[in-house]
């Protein structure tokens, strides 16, 4: 007999932007492809901005605005790293819509991204989405293309 209070709570992580889903192992950066920061998935963007993949608190924004971390109420922490080597852009091409410590709802705008600028000035626009809490079990969802706010990328 199973009791409800023993059941793990699951959380869906939806696509924070539109694009093509790429396995983390195929990201052309060993920090991500070798999962040094954690498990996850990446998106090759087709446009749009970065939105919250679940409801939670913004716990980190890099000074260069290229990476943002969010924590759910259940303690799941996720890092969204916009492009590769985008730290070198020193914040150009990114406009923040939130600040650290802010509570956000799933689908809320986090960062406006100038993809044309990134395509011209960044090494790559691929955007890794990393679960940085290593004790969480992850089930991967959709493959192919994803739609911001609709496609479930992972269940944690």
N, C-alpha and C. Protein backbone atom coordinates (compact mmCIF):
# COMPACT_ATOMS: atom_id res chain seq x y z
N UNK A 1 0.84 -1.17 0.00
CA UNK A 1 0.00 0.00 0.00
C UNK A 1 0.89 1.25 0.00
N UNK A 2 0.62 2.16 -0.92
CA UNK A 2 1.41 3.38 -1.02
C UNK A 2 0.65 4.54 -0.38
N UNK A 3 1.37 5.34 0.33
CA UNK A 3 0.78 6.52 0.94
C UNK A 3 1.21 7.75 0.15
N UNK A 4 0.32 8.68 -0.02
CA UNK A 4 0.58 9.88 -0.81
C UNK A 4 1.77 10.68 -0.34
N UNK A 5 2.02 10.70 0.97
CA UNK A 5 3.11 11.54 1.44
C UNK A 5 4.48 10.94 1.14
N UNK A 6 4.56 9.70 0.64
CA UNK A 6 5.84 9.11 0.23
C UNK A 6 6.14 9.37 -1.24
N UNK A 7 5.16 9.81 -1.97
CA UNK A 7 5.32 10.02 -3.41
C UNK A 7 6.17 11.26 -3.67
N UNK A 8 7.13 11.13 -4.59
CA UNK A 8 7.96 12.27 -4.97
C UNK A 8 7.12 13.25 -5.77
N UNK A 9 7.36 14.52 -5.53
CA UNK A 9 6.69 15.55 -6.31
C UNK A 9 7.49 15.75 -7.59
N UNK A 10 6.78 15.81 -8.70
CA UNK A 10 7.45 16.04 -9.97
C UNK A 10 7.17 17.44 -10.45
N UNK A 11 8.09 17.98 -11.22
CA UNK A 11 7.97 19.31 -11.76
C UNK A 11 8.34 19.28 -13.24
N UNK A 12 7.53 19.90 -14.06
CA UNK A 12 7.84 20.00 -15.48
C UNK A 12 8.65 21.26 -15.74
N UNK A 13 9.66 21.11 -16.57
CA UNK A 13 10.46 22.23 -17.03
C UNK A 13 10.10 22.42 -18.50
N UNK A 14 9.47 23.56 -18.82
CA UNK A 14 9.06 23.82 -20.20
C UNK A 14 10.11 24.64 -20.92
N UNK A 15 10.07 24.60 -22.23
CA UNK A 15 11.04 25.31 -23.06
C UNK A 15 11.03 26.81 -22.75
N UNK A 16 12.20 27.38 -22.42
CA UNK A 16 12.26 28.81 -22.14
C UNK A 16 12.35 29.66 -23.42
N UNK A 17 12.50 29.00 -24.58
CA UNK A 17 12.56 29.69 -25.86
C UNK A 17 12.23 28.71 -26.98
N UNK A 18 11.99 29.24 -28.17
CA UNK A 18 11.70 28.41 -29.33
C UNK A 18 13.00 27.92 -29.96
N UNK A 19 12.96 26.72 -30.55
CA UNK A 19 14.14 26.23 -31.25
C UNK A 19 14.16 24.73 -31.41
N UNK A 20 15.35 24.23 -31.72
CA UNK A 20 15.57 22.80 -31.91
C UNK A 20 16.23 22.24 -30.65
N UNK A 21 15.67 21.15 -30.14
CA UNK A 21 16.21 20.49 -28.95
C UNK A 21 17.48 19.72 -29.34
N UNK A 22 18.54 19.92 -28.57
CA UNK A 22 19.83 19.29 -28.84
C UNK A 22 20.30 18.58 -27.57
N UNK A 23 20.72 17.30 -27.67
CA UNK A 23 21.27 16.63 -26.48
C UNK A 23 22.48 17.40 -25.96
N UNK A 24 22.62 17.47 -24.66
CA UNK A 24 23.72 18.21 -24.05
C UNK A 24 25.08 17.72 -24.55
N UNK A 25 25.17 16.42 -24.83
CA UNK A 25 26.44 15.84 -25.30
C UNK A 25 26.88 16.44 -26.63
N UNK A 26 25.98 17.05 -27.37
CA UNK A 26 26.30 17.62 -28.69
C UNK A 26 26.64 19.11 -28.64
N UNK A 27 26.61 19.71 -27.45
CA UNK A 27 26.98 21.12 -27.31
C UNK A 27 28.48 21.24 -27.52
N UNK A 28 28.93 22.14 -28.42
CA UNK A 28 30.36 22.24 -28.73
C UNK A 28 31.18 22.99 -27.67
N UNK A 29 31.01 22.59 -26.43
CA UNK A 29 31.77 23.14 -25.31
C UNK A 29 31.83 22.03 -24.25
N UNK A 30 33.04 21.58 -23.89
CA UNK A 30 33.17 20.45 -22.98
C UNK A 30 32.57 20.69 -21.59
N UNK A 31 32.50 21.93 -21.14
CA UNK A 31 31.90 22.21 -19.83
C UNK A 31 30.46 21.71 -19.81
N UNK A 32 29.76 21.88 -20.93
CA UNK A 32 28.38 21.44 -21.02
C UNK A 32 28.27 20.01 -21.52
N UNK A 33 29.00 19.67 -22.60
CA UNK A 33 28.86 18.34 -23.21
C UNK A 33 29.34 17.22 -22.29
N UNK A 34 30.30 17.52 -21.43
CA UNK A 34 30.77 16.52 -20.47
C UNK A 34 30.04 16.62 -19.14
N UNK A 35 29.01 17.44 -19.10
CA UNK A 35 28.11 17.59 -17.96
C UNK A 35 28.83 17.96 -16.66
N UNK A 36 29.85 18.82 -16.80
CA UNK A 36 30.59 19.28 -15.63
C UNK A 36 29.73 20.13 -14.70
N UNK A 37 28.73 20.81 -15.26
CA UNK A 37 27.86 21.66 -14.45
C UNK A 37 26.58 20.95 -14.03
N UNK A 38 26.29 19.81 -14.69
CA UNK A 38 25.09 19.06 -14.37
C UNK A 38 24.42 18.51 -15.61
N UNK A 39 23.32 17.80 -15.38
CA UNK A 39 22.53 17.22 -16.47
C UNK A 39 21.68 18.31 -17.11
N UNK A 40 21.22 18.03 -18.31
CA UNK A 40 20.34 19.00 -18.95
C UNK A 40 20.16 18.75 -20.42
N UNK A 41 19.84 19.82 -21.10
CA UNK A 41 19.51 19.77 -22.52
C UNK A 41 19.88 21.13 -23.09
N UNK A 42 19.93 21.24 -24.40
CA UNK A 42 20.23 22.54 -25.01
C UNK A 42 19.21 22.82 -26.11
N UNK A 43 19.09 24.10 -26.44
CA UNK A 43 18.21 24.52 -27.52
C UNK A 43 18.99 25.37 -28.49
N UNK A 44 18.89 25.02 -29.78
CA UNK A 44 19.43 25.89 -30.83
C UNK A 44 18.30 26.85 -31.17
N UNK A 45 18.42 28.12 -30.77
CA UNK A 45 17.29 29.05 -30.88
C UNK A 45 16.83 29.33 -32.30
N UNK A 46 15.51 29.52 -32.43
CA UNK A 46 14.95 29.95 -33.71
C UNK A 46 14.32 31.33 -33.56
N UNK A 47 14.49 31.92 -32.39
CA UNK A 47 13.96 33.26 -32.14
C UNK A 47 13.23 33.33 -30.83
N UNK A 48 12.79 34.52 -30.51
CA UNK A 48 12.08 34.74 -29.26
C UNK A 48 13.05 35.07 -28.14
N UNK A 49 12.50 35.33 -26.99
CA UNK A 49 13.31 35.70 -25.82
C UNK A 49 13.31 34.56 -24.81
N UNK A 50 14.02 34.75 -23.70
CA UNK A 50 14.14 33.74 -22.66
C UNK A 50 13.05 33.97 -21.62
N UNK A 51 12.28 32.91 -21.35
CA UNK A 51 11.18 32.97 -20.39
C UNK A 51 11.42 31.94 -19.29
N UNK A 52 10.77 32.12 -18.16
CA UNK A 52 10.91 31.19 -17.03
C UNK A 52 10.38 29.81 -17.41
N UNK A 53 11.20 28.77 -17.24
CA UNK A 53 10.78 27.41 -17.57
C UNK A 53 9.88 26.78 -16.49
N UNK A 54 9.79 27.43 -15.34
CA UNK A 54 8.93 27.02 -14.23
C UNK A 54 8.84 28.20 -13.28
N UNK A 55 7.93 28.14 -12.32
CA UNK A 55 7.80 29.21 -11.33
C UNK A 55 8.87 29.04 -10.26
N UNK A 56 9.42 30.16 -9.79
CA UNK A 56 10.45 30.10 -8.77
C UNK A 56 11.07 31.44 -8.51
N UNK A 57 12.28 31.40 -7.95
CA UNK A 57 13.02 32.61 -7.60
C UNK A 57 14.27 32.73 -8.45
N UNK A 58 14.54 33.92 -8.93
CA UNK A 58 15.79 34.18 -9.66
C UNK A 58 16.90 34.23 -8.60
N UNK A 59 17.83 33.28 -8.68
CA UNK A 59 18.87 33.20 -7.64
C UNK A 59 20.23 33.70 -8.12
N UNK A 60 20.38 33.88 -9.45
CA UNK A 60 21.66 34.38 -9.96
C UNK A 60 21.46 34.93 -11.37
N UNK A 61 22.08 36.07 -11.61
CA UNK A 61 22.20 36.64 -12.95
C UNK A 61 23.65 37.07 -13.08
N UNK A 62 24.33 36.61 -14.12
CA UNK A 62 25.72 37.03 -14.30
C UNK A 62 25.76 38.53 -14.62
N UNK A 63 26.83 39.21 -14.23
CA UNK A 63 26.94 40.64 -14.53
C UNK A 63 26.87 40.93 -16.04
N UNK A 64 27.26 39.95 -16.84
CA UNK A 64 27.22 40.11 -18.30
C UNK A 64 25.89 39.68 -18.90
N UNK A 65 24.92 39.33 -18.08
CA UNK A 65 23.54 39.03 -18.46
C UNK A 65 23.36 37.80 -19.36
N UNK A 66 24.40 37.02 -19.58
CA UNK A 66 24.32 35.88 -20.50
C UNK A 66 23.87 34.58 -19.82
N UNK A 67 23.72 34.59 -18.51
CA UNK A 67 23.30 33.39 -17.79
C UNK A 67 22.43 33.80 -16.60
N UNK A 68 21.42 32.97 -16.36
CA UNK A 68 20.47 33.25 -15.29
C UNK A 68 20.09 31.93 -14.63
N UNK A 69 19.95 31.93 -13.32
CA UNK A 69 19.58 30.72 -12.59
C UNK A 69 18.29 30.96 -11.83
N UNK A 70 17.48 29.92 -11.77
CA UNK A 70 16.18 29.98 -11.10
C UNK A 70 16.04 28.75 -10.20
N UNK A 71 15.39 28.95 -9.03
CA UNK A 71 15.17 27.85 -8.08
C UNK A 71 13.67 27.71 -7.84
N UNK A 72 13.19 26.47 -7.94
CA UNK A 72 11.77 26.19 -7.68
C UNK A 72 11.54 26.12 -6.17
N UNK A 73 10.28 26.15 -5.78
CA UNK A 73 9.94 26.02 -4.36
C UNK A 73 10.40 24.68 -3.79
N UNK A 74 10.48 23.64 -4.66
CA UNK A 74 10.92 22.32 -4.20
C UNK A 74 12.44 22.18 -4.18
N UNK A 75 13.17 23.23 -4.55
CA UNK A 75 14.63 23.21 -4.46
C UNK A 75 15.37 22.87 -5.73
N UNK A 76 14.66 22.68 -6.85
CA UNK A 76 15.33 22.41 -8.13
C UNK A 76 15.96 23.71 -8.63
N UNK A 77 17.25 23.64 -8.96
CA UNK A 77 17.95 24.82 -9.48
C UNK A 77 18.36 24.56 -10.92
N UNK A 78 18.07 25.53 -11.78
CA UNK A 78 18.36 25.41 -13.21
C UNK A 78 19.09 26.66 -13.68
N UNK A 79 20.12 26.43 -14.48
CA UNK A 79 20.89 27.50 -15.11
C UNK A 79 20.55 27.54 -16.59
N UNK A 80 20.24 28.73 -17.09
CA UNK A 80 20.04 28.94 -18.52
C UNK A 80 21.22 29.77 -18.99
N UNK A 81 22.05 29.18 -19.86
CA UNK A 81 23.27 29.84 -20.35
C UNK A 81 23.03 30.21 -21.81
N UNK A 82 22.86 31.48 -22.10
CA UNK A 82 22.47 31.94 -23.43
C UNK A 82 23.70 32.04 -24.33
N UNK A 83 23.83 31.09 -25.25
CA UNK A 83 24.95 31.07 -26.18
C UNK A 83 26.24 30.59 -25.54
N UNK A 84 27.27 30.45 -26.38
CA UNK A 84 28.60 30.02 -25.93
C UNK A 84 29.57 31.18 -26.08
N UNK A 85 30.42 31.32 -25.09
CA UNK A 85 31.42 32.40 -25.04
C UNK A 85 30.76 33.78 -25.10
N UNK A 86 29.53 33.86 -24.65
CA UNK A 86 28.80 35.13 -24.67
C UNK A 86 29.20 36.06 -23.52
N UNK A 87 29.97 35.55 -22.58
CA UNK A 87 30.50 36.39 -21.51
C UNK A 87 31.35 37.51 -22.12
N UNK A 88 32.01 37.22 -23.25
CA UNK A 88 32.87 38.20 -23.92
C UNK A 88 32.09 39.39 -24.48
N UNK A 89 30.78 39.26 -24.60
CA UNK A 89 29.96 40.36 -25.14
C UNK A 89 29.70 41.44 -24.10
N UNK A 90 30.07 41.17 -22.85
CA UNK A 90 29.96 42.14 -21.75
C UNK A 90 28.55 42.73 -21.61
N UNK A 91 27.54 41.89 -21.84
CA UNK A 91 26.16 42.33 -21.65
C UNK A 91 25.47 42.84 -22.89
N UNK A 92 26.24 43.09 -23.95
CA UNK A 92 25.62 43.55 -25.20
C UNK A 92 24.78 42.44 -25.80
N UNK A 93 23.61 42.80 -26.30
CA UNK A 93 22.71 41.82 -26.90
C UNK A 93 21.71 41.23 -25.93
N UNK A 94 21.79 41.63 -24.64
CA UNK A 94 20.89 41.12 -23.62
C UNK A 94 20.24 42.27 -22.87
N UNK A 95 18.94 42.15 -22.60
CA UNK A 95 18.23 43.14 -21.79
C UNK A 95 17.43 42.39 -20.73
N UNK A 96 17.78 42.59 -19.47
CA UNK A 96 17.13 41.89 -18.37
C UNK A 96 15.71 42.40 -18.14
N UNK A 97 14.81 41.47 -17.84
CA UNK A 97 13.44 41.82 -17.49
C UNK A 97 13.15 41.49 -16.03
N UNK A 98 14.14 40.90 -15.33
CA UNK A 98 14.00 40.52 -13.92
C UNK A 98 15.28 40.86 -13.18
N UNK A 99 15.23 40.73 -11.85
CA UNK A 99 16.42 40.94 -11.04
C UNK A 99 16.57 39.79 -10.04
N UNK A 100 17.77 39.64 -9.50
CA UNK A 100 18.01 38.59 -8.51
C UNK A 100 17.07 38.77 -7.32
N UNK A 101 16.57 37.63 -6.82
CA UNK A 101 15.68 37.64 -5.68
C UNK A 101 14.20 37.75 -6.06
N UNK A 102 13.93 38.03 -7.32
CA UNK A 102 12.55 38.19 -7.77
C UNK A 102 11.86 36.85 -7.94
N UNK A 103 10.59 36.79 -7.54
CA UNK A 103 9.76 35.60 -7.76
C UNK A 103 9.17 35.71 -9.16
N UNK A 104 9.24 34.63 -9.93
CA UNK A 104 8.71 34.63 -11.30
C UNK A 104 7.74 33.48 -11.49
N UNK A 105 6.87 33.64 -12.44
CA UNK A 105 5.91 32.61 -12.81
C UNK A 105 6.35 31.95 -14.10
N UNK A 106 5.98 30.69 -14.30
CA UNK A 106 6.30 29.99 -15.54
C UNK A 106 5.84 30.83 -16.72
N UNK A 107 6.71 30.97 -17.71
CA UNK A 107 6.39 31.73 -18.91
C UNK A 107 6.72 33.20 -18.84
N UNK A 108 7.08 33.70 -17.66
CA UNK A 108 7.40 35.12 -17.51
C UNK A 108 8.70 35.45 -18.24
N UNK A 109 8.73 36.61 -18.90
CA UNK A 109 9.93 37.06 -19.61
C UNK A 109 11.07 37.27 -18.62
N UNK A 110 12.24 36.70 -18.93
CA UNK A 110 13.43 36.86 -18.09
C UNK A 110 14.46 37.77 -18.76
N UNK A 111 14.78 37.46 -20.03
CA UNK A 111 15.82 38.18 -20.75
C UNK A 111 15.39 38.37 -22.20
N UNK A 112 15.48 39.61 -22.69
CA UNK A 112 15.30 39.87 -24.11
C UNK A 112 16.66 39.67 -24.77
N UNK A 113 16.67 38.93 -25.89
CA UNK A 113 17.92 38.59 -26.56
C UNK A 113 17.89 39.11 -28.00
N UNK A 114 18.96 39.78 -28.39
CA UNK A 114 19.13 40.22 -29.77
C UNK A 114 19.89 39.11 -30.51
N UNK A 115 19.12 38.16 -31.06
CA UNK A 115 19.74 36.98 -31.68
C UNK A 115 20.59 37.35 -32.89
N UNK A 116 20.20 38.37 -33.64
CA UNK A 116 21.00 38.80 -34.81
C UNK A 116 22.38 39.26 -34.34
N UNK A 117 22.43 40.01 -33.25
CA UNK A 117 23.70 40.46 -32.68
C UNK A 117 24.53 39.26 -32.22
N UNK A 118 23.89 38.32 -31.52
CA UNK A 118 24.60 37.15 -31.03
C UNK A 118 25.14 36.30 -32.19
N UNK A 119 24.34 36.12 -33.23
CA UNK A 119 24.80 35.32 -34.37
C UNK A 119 26.05 35.93 -34.99
N UNK A 120 26.14 37.26 -34.97
CA UNK A 120 27.28 37.95 -35.56
C UNK A 120 28.49 37.98 -34.63
N UNK A 121 28.26 38.06 -33.32
CA UNK A 121 29.37 38.32 -32.39
C UNK A 121 29.71 37.18 -31.42
N UNK A 122 28.82 36.22 -31.25
CA UNK A 122 29.09 35.12 -30.31
C UNK A 122 29.63 33.91 -31.05
N UNK A 123 30.29 33.02 -30.30
CA UNK A 123 30.81 31.79 -30.88
C UNK A 123 29.68 30.90 -31.39
N UNK A 124 28.59 30.83 -30.62
CA UNK A 124 27.47 29.96 -30.96
C UNK A 124 26.26 30.44 -30.16
N UNK A 125 25.06 30.33 -30.74
CA UNK A 125 23.85 30.77 -30.03
C UNK A 125 23.18 29.63 -29.25
N UNK A 126 23.70 28.41 -29.35
CA UNK A 126 23.08 27.29 -28.64
C UNK A 126 22.98 27.63 -27.15
N UNK A 127 21.85 27.27 -26.55
CA UNK A 127 21.55 27.68 -25.18
C UNK A 127 21.34 26.46 -24.28
N UNK A 128 22.37 26.10 -23.49
CA UNK A 128 22.23 24.98 -22.55
C UNK A 128 21.30 25.34 -21.38
N UNK A 129 20.52 24.36 -20.96
CA UNK A 129 19.63 24.47 -19.81
C UNK A 129 20.03 23.35 -18.87
N UNK A 130 20.66 23.71 -17.76
CA UNK A 130 21.34 22.76 -16.88
C UNK A 130 20.65 22.68 -15.52
N UNK A 131 20.36 21.46 -15.08
CA UNK A 131 19.85 21.22 -13.74
C UNK A 131 21.08 21.11 -12.84
N UNK A 132 21.29 22.11 -12.00
CA UNK A 132 22.51 22.15 -11.19
C UNK A 132 22.36 21.47 -9.83
N UNK A 133 21.14 21.02 -9.49
CA UNK A 133 20.94 20.24 -8.27
C UNK A 133 21.07 18.77 -8.66
N UNK A 134 22.21 18.19 -8.31
CA UNK A 134 22.57 16.86 -8.80
C UNK A 134 21.77 15.71 -8.20
N UNK A 135 21.06 15.95 -7.12
CA UNK A 135 20.33 14.86 -6.47
C UNK A 135 18.94 14.63 -7.06
N UNK A 136 18.63 15.32 -8.14
CA UNK A 136 17.29 15.23 -8.72
C UNK A 136 17.25 14.23 -9.88
N UNK A 137 16.20 13.44 -9.93
CA UNK A 137 16.00 12.49 -11.02
C UNK A 137 15.34 13.23 -12.18
N UNK A 138 15.88 13.04 -13.38
CA UNK A 138 15.39 13.77 -14.56
C UNK A 138 14.87 12.79 -15.60
N UNK A 139 13.70 13.08 -16.12
CA UNK A 139 13.15 12.35 -17.27
C UNK A 139 13.04 13.35 -18.40
N UNK A 140 13.63 13.00 -19.55
CA UNK A 140 13.60 13.92 -20.69
C UNK A 140 12.31 13.74 -21.46
N UNK A 141 11.80 14.86 -21.96
CA UNK A 141 10.53 14.88 -22.68
C UNK A 141 10.72 14.87 -24.18
N UNK A 142 10.24 15.91 -24.80
CA UNK A 142 10.18 16.01 -26.26
C UNK A 142 11.53 16.00 -26.94
N UNK A 143 11.50 15.67 -28.23
CA UNK A 143 12.67 15.75 -29.11
C UNK A 143 12.24 16.57 -30.31
N UNK A 144 13.20 17.00 -31.11
CA UNK A 144 12.87 17.78 -32.29
C UNK A 144 12.84 19.26 -31.99
N UNK A 145 11.73 19.90 -32.31
CA UNK A 145 11.62 21.33 -32.05
C UNK A 145 10.81 21.57 -30.79
N UNK A 146 11.00 22.75 -30.22
CA UNK A 146 10.25 23.10 -29.01
C UNK A 146 9.64 24.48 -29.16
N UNK A 147 8.54 24.65 -28.45
CA UNK A 147 7.83 25.93 -28.44
C UNK A 147 7.88 26.47 -27.02
N UNK A 148 8.34 27.71 -26.91
CA UNK A 148 8.45 28.36 -25.61
C UNK A 148 7.13 28.28 -24.86
N UNK A 149 7.23 27.83 -23.61
CA UNK A 149 6.08 27.78 -22.73
C UNK A 149 5.16 26.59 -22.91
N UNK A 150 5.35 25.81 -23.97
CA UNK A 150 4.48 24.67 -24.26
C UNK A 150 5.18 23.33 -24.18
N UNK A 151 6.34 23.22 -24.77
CA UNK A 151 7.04 21.94 -24.85
C UNK A 151 7.70 21.60 -23.52
N UNK A 152 7.39 20.40 -23.00
CA UNK A 152 8.04 19.93 -21.78
C UNK A 152 9.38 19.33 -22.17
N UNK A 153 10.46 19.93 -21.67
CA UNK A 153 11.83 19.45 -21.95
C UNK A 153 12.24 18.35 -20.97
N UNK A 154 11.89 18.56 -19.69
CA UNK A 154 12.30 17.64 -18.65
C UNK A 154 11.23 17.59 -17.56
N UNK A 155 11.14 16.44 -16.91
CA UNK A 155 10.35 16.30 -15.69
C UNK A 155 11.34 15.95 -14.60
N UNK A 156 11.31 16.72 -13.54
CA UNK A 156 12.30 16.58 -12.47
C UNK A 156 11.58 16.20 -11.19
